[in-house]
Protein backbone atom coordinates (compact mmCIF):
# COMPACT_ATOMS: atom_id res chain seq x y z
CA MET A 1 33.85 121.65 53.80
CA GLU A 2 36.85 123.37 54.40
CA THR A 3 39.22 121.52 57.39
CA GLN A 4 40.76 123.96 59.97
CA GLN A 5 44.60 122.79 60.55
CA LEU A 6 45.53 123.09 64.21
CA GLY A 7 48.73 123.34 65.46
CA GLY A 8 51.45 125.33 64.04
CA GLY A 9 53.21 127.90 66.06
CA GLY A 10 55.60 125.40 67.25
CA GLU A 11 58.43 128.42 66.75
CA VAL A 12 56.57 130.40 69.14
CA GLY A 13 57.64 127.97 72.08
CA ILE A 14 61.13 126.99 70.39
CA ILE A 15 62.80 130.44 70.10
CA PRO A 16 62.66 131.49 73.45
CA GLY A 17 63.56 127.67 74.85
CA ILE A 18 66.72 128.47 72.44
CA VAL A 19 67.52 131.85 74.17
CA GLY A 20 66.92 130.56 77.57
CA LEU A 21 69.56 127.61 76.35
CA VAL A 22 71.97 130.39 75.08
CA VAL A 23 72.02 132.79 78.22
CA MET A 24 71.80 129.64 80.60
CA ILE A 25 75.36 128.40 78.89
CA VAL A 26 76.52 131.79 78.68
CA ILE A 27 76.03 132.30 82.67
CA PHE A 28 77.35 128.66 83.29
CA ALA A 29 80.28 129.48 81.31
CA GLY A 30 80.52 133.07 83.21
CA ILE A 31 80.17 131.23 86.97
CA TRP A 32 83.01 128.15 85.72
CA LYS A 33 85.47 130.84 85.23
CA VAL A 34 84.53 132.38 88.47
CA PHE A 35 85.21 129.27 90.28
CA THR A 36 88.49 128.52 88.37
CA LYS A 37 89.70 131.85 88.94
CA ALA A 38 89.23 131.44 92.57
CA GLY A 39 91.00 128.08 93.00
CA GLN A 40 87.45 126.16 93.09
CA PRO A 41 86.77 123.46 90.39
CA GLY A 42 84.61 125.18 87.43
CA TRP A 43 82.81 121.75 86.86
CA ALA A 44 81.59 122.65 89.98
CA VAL A 45 78.94 125.27 88.50
CA LEU A 46 77.04 121.86 87.14
CA ILE A 47 76.40 120.19 90.35
CA PRO A 48 73.58 121.74 92.25
CA ILE A 49 73.88 122.44 96.20
CA TYR A 50 77.75 122.06 95.25
CA ASN A 51 77.84 125.14 93.61
CA ALA A 52 76.02 127.38 95.76
CA TYR A 53 78.24 125.77 98.72
CA VAL A 54 81.30 126.22 96.30
CA LEU A 55 80.00 130.39 95.50
CA CYS A 56 79.90 130.81 99.04
CA LYS A 57 84.22 129.49 99.51
CA VAL A 58 84.04 132.03 96.64
CA ALA A 59 82.22 134.93 98.67
CA GLY A 60 84.58 133.98 101.68
CA LYS A 61 81.52 132.69 103.61
CA SER A 62 81.07 129.48 105.76
CA GLY A 63 79.79 126.53 104.22
CA TRP A 64 77.14 126.82 106.62
CA TRP A 65 75.43 129.75 104.17
CA VAL A 66 74.25 127.16 101.75
CA LEU A 67 71.84 126.15 104.46
CA LEU A 68 70.52 129.79 105.47
CA MET A 69 69.85 130.40 101.83
CA MET A 70 67.47 127.65 101.53
CA ILE A 71 65.24 128.74 104.13
CA PRO A 72 62.41 130.03 102.90
CA CYS A 73 61.70 133.98 102.55
CA VAL A 74 65.12 135.06 104.09
CA GLY A 75 67.29 132.90 101.88
CA PHE A 76 67.77 135.52 99.06
CA ILE A 77 68.51 138.03 101.73
CA PHE A 78 71.54 135.25 101.97
CA GLY A 79 71.99 135.04 98.43
CA ILE A 80 72.75 138.62 98.07
CA LEU A 81 75.17 138.50 100.47
CA VAL A 82 76.99 135.74 98.97
CA THR A 83 76.82 137.40 95.95
CA VAL A 84 77.97 140.69 97.62
CA GLY A 85 81.12 138.42 98.85
CA VAL A 86 81.86 137.31 95.31
CA ALA A 87 81.88 140.99 94.26
CA GLN A 88 84.05 142.35 96.99
CA ASN A 89 86.81 139.30 96.69
CA PHE A 90 87.35 140.10 92.93
CA GLY A 91 87.89 143.69 93.87
CA LYS A 92 84.58 144.74 92.13
CA GLY A 93 81.94 147.36 94.02
CA ILE A 94 78.39 147.06 95.38
CA GLY A 95 77.30 148.34 91.54
CA PHE A 96 79.29 145.34 90.05
CA ALA A 97 77.37 143.13 92.81
CA LEU A 98 74.45 144.49 91.39
CA GLY A 99 75.16 143.69 88.28
CA LEU A 100 75.62 140.11 89.39
CA ILE A 101 72.25 139.62 90.87
CA PHE A 102 70.02 141.68 88.10
CA LEU A 103 71.72 140.73 85.11
CA PRO A 104 74.08 137.71 85.63
CA PHE A 105 73.74 136.77 82.02
CA ILE A 106 76.48 139.62 81.24
CA PHE A 107 77.78 140.15 84.92
CA TYR A 108 79.40 136.80 85.78
CA PRO A 109 81.37 136.66 82.24
CA LEU A 110 82.29 140.19 82.49
CA LEU A 111 84.16 139.06 86.03
CA GLY A 112 85.18 135.39 84.52
CA PHE A 113 86.41 136.26 81.47
CA GLY A 114 87.38 139.87 82.34
CA ASP A 115 91.18 141.00 84.04
CA ALA A 116 89.40 140.99 87.62
CA SER A 117 91.67 138.92 89.92
CA TYR A 118 90.62 137.03 93.18
CA GLN A 119 91.74 138.18 96.29
CA VAL A 120 90.15 136.94 99.69
CA ALA A 121 89.10 140.05 101.78
CA PRO A 122 90.37 140.60 105.14
CA ALA A 123 88.01 139.30 107.82
């Protein structure tokens, strides 16, 4: 009589977990540098809600926008507008803002570690 071994296949869950952790670390490092370039504390990226507040400040938006970003179904629109504001304040266009939205693991490190400098756009 043969015995079946159950289990195994643990690497199927470990590999994506490691890849996800690496991607998260890359995004956090990029946003940390973006914050420090903008004169904000880099560690703010690690604090939920406060990081959204700091991101709004970097984008040149009021801190009240954090509350607007928490509204279901419309919050993502305000999030997109904040991301566009971040790109504009670093002298980048809408194409770069789309990169920040759809490929943040590439574009936030490019913005943070690249040669872009922070300049608040005139209102």
